Amino acid sequence: MNTISKYTKFIPYLYFLSVIMFWFTHINKSEGISAYPILLFGIPFLWQLIKPNRKLNFSLGIIFVCLSSYLILAYIFDLLNIINLPESSKGFLFYGGILVFSHFIMSLWIIRNSIEKVF
């Protein structure tokens, strides 16, 4: 049980790294070499896995909570029909909603890691 609790603090960083790698491979198939700057987004998360830093950890958590809450508001406004989106984009709402809420949960987990635990 100690080994599980020891490695659970790394789950949000691995999650964001996997999302970045998926995003990179998807863009790389269609656009080629112009997708490589996407890999730069993974550097802070990789750095947190190698050499953790509390300030960087808290900054990553706050930034992604703000971005995720903004996307959650947009998602809720669309569900309430406050903003009318084209029908072509409504097909992505379900999967996008799952992704947005999981980003928000992982961001809160990062903030919790930076406040409660010392790496």
Protein backbone atom coordinates (compact mmCIF):
# COMPACT_ATOMS: atom_id res chain seq x y z
CA MET A 1 0.00 0.00 0.00
CA ASN A 2 2.90 2.35 0.68
CA THR A 3 4.22 1.92 -2.85
CA ILE A 4 0.83 2.84 -4.32
CA SER A 5 0.55 5.99 -2.24
CA LYS A 6 4.17 6.80 -3.04
CA TYR A 7 3.56 6.87 -6.80
CA THR A 8 0.05 8.37 -6.90
CA LYS A 9 1.49 11.89 -6.76
CA PHE A 10 2.90 11.35 -10.27
CA ILE A 11 -0.44 10.51 -11.91
CA PRO A 12 -1.40 14.09 -12.93
CA TYR A 13 1.98 14.69 -14.60
CA LEU A 14 1.78 11.42 -16.49
CA TYR A 15 -1.77 12.30 -17.52
CA PHE A 16 -0.76 15.67 -18.96
CA LEU A 17 2.29 14.11 -20.65
CA SER A 18 0.06 11.49 -22.28
CA VAL A 19 -2.37 14.18 -23.50
CA ILE A 20 0.54 16.16 -24.97
CA MET A 21 1.95 13.06 -26.68
CA PHE A 22 -1.47 12.21 -28.12
CA TRP A 23 -1.88 15.78 -29.34
CA PHE A 24 1.60 15.68 -30.88
CA THR A 25 1.07 12.39 -32.71
CA HIS A 26 -2.32 13.50 -34.01
CA ILE A 27 -0.98 16.81 -35.37
CA ASN A 28 2.24 15.18 -36.62
CA LYS A 29 0.26 12.81 -38.86
CA SER A 30 -1.47 15.65 -40.63
CA GLU A 31 1.01 18.54 -40.54
CA GLY A 32 4.42 16.96 -40.13
CA ILE A 33 7.34 18.90 -38.72
CA SER A 34 5.24 21.87 -37.57
CA ALA A 35 3.93 19.71 -34.70
CA TYR A 36 7.25 19.58 -32.84
CA PRO A 37 6.73 22.81 -30.85
CA ILE A 38 3.85 21.00 -29.10
CA LEU A 39 6.46 18.88 -27.34
CA LEU A 40 7.68 22.01 -25.56
CA PHE A 41 4.49 21.96 -23.48
CA GLY A 42 5.65 18.69 -21.91
CA ILE A 43 8.92 20.07 -20.52
CA PRO A 44 7.49 21.41 -17.22
CA PHE A 45 5.64 18.16 -16.54
CA LEU A 46 8.69 16.08 -17.36
CA TRP A 47 10.77 18.35 -15.11
CA GLN A 48 8.33 17.73 -12.25
CA LEU A 49 8.84 13.99 -12.64
CA ILE A 50 12.65 14.24 -12.70
CA LYS A 51 13.36 17.04 -10.24
CA PRO A 52 10.20 18.27 -8.46
CA ASN A 53 9.85 21.94 -7.56
CA ARG A 54 7.03 23.26 -5.33
CA LYS A 55 6.78 26.65 -7.03
CA LEU A 56 6.60 25.17 -10.51
CA ASN A 57 4.11 22.60 -9.24
CA PHE A 58 1.83 25.26 -7.78
CA SER A 59 2.17 27.42 -10.92
CA LEU A 60 1.24 24.52 -13.20
CA GLY A 61 -1.75 23.71 -11.02
CA ILE A 62 -3.07 27.28 -10.95
CA ILE A 63 -2.56 27.81 -14.69
CA PHE A 64 -4.40 24.63 -15.65
CA VAL A 65 -7.19 25.19 -13.12
CA CYS A 66 -7.80 28.62 -14.68
CA LEU A 67 -7.75 27.22 -18.23
CA SER A 68 -9.96 24.28 -17.29
CA SER A 69 -12.49 26.43 -15.43
CA TYR A 70 -12.71 28.72 -18.46
CA LEU A 71 -13.39 25.70 -20.69
CA ILE A 72 -15.93 24.34 -18.19
CA LEU A 73 -17.80 27.66 -18.33
CA ALA A 74 -17.84 27.50 -22.13
CA TYR A 75 -19.09 23.91 -21.95
CA ILE A 76 -21.87 24.85 -19.51
CA PHE A 77 -22.90 27.87 -21.60
CA ASP A 78 -23.24 25.61 -24.60
CA LEU A 79 -25.31 23.09 -22.66
CA LEU A 80 -27.62 25.88 -21.52
CA ASN A 81 -27.85 27.17 -25.12
CA ILE A 82 -26.51 30.59 -24.12
CA ILE A 83 -23.98 30.35 -26.94
CA ASN A 84 -25.01 28.76 -30.22
CA LEU A 85 -22.34 26.54 -31.70
CA PRO A 86 -22.52 25.04 -35.19
CA GLU A 87 -23.81 21.50 -35.47
CA SER A 88 -20.46 20.29 -36.77
CA SER A 89 -18.78 21.12 -33.46
CA LYS A 90 -21.49 19.59 -31.27
CA GLY A 91 -20.21 16.11 -32.08
CA PHE A 92 -17.06 16.82 -30.11
CA LEU A 93 -18.83 18.11 -27.02
CA PHE A 94 -19.12 14.79 -25.20
CA TYR A 95 -15.47 13.82 -25.54
CA GLY A 96 -14.38 17.40 -25.04
CA GLY A 97 -16.40 17.59 -21.84
CA ILE A 98 -14.75 14.47 -20.48
CA LEU A 99 -11.34 15.88 -21.36
CA VAL A 100 -12.09 19.27 -19.78
CA PHE A 101 -13.36 17.78 -16.52
CA SER A 102 -10.42 15.38 -16.30
CA HIS A 103 -8.04 18.33 -16.88
CA PHE A 104 -9.74 20.17 -14.04
CA ILE A 105 -9.49 17.20 -11.66
CA MET A 106 -5.83 16.62 -12.49
CA SER A 107 -5.06 20.31 -12.02
CA LEU A 108 -6.68 20.26 -8.60
CA TRP A 109 -4.63 17.17 -7.81
CA ILE A 110 -1.43 19.04 -8.74
CA ILE A 111 -2.39 21.91 -6.43
CA ARG A 112 -3.14 19.43 -3.65
CA ASN A 113 0.27 17.86 -4.14
CA SER A 114 2.00 21.21 -3.89
CA ILE A 115 0.14 22.26 -0.74
CA GLU A 116 0.01 19.05 1.29
CA LYS A 117 3.07 17.03 0.44
CA VAL A 118 6.73 17.74 0.25
CA PHE A 119 8.38 16.01 -2.70
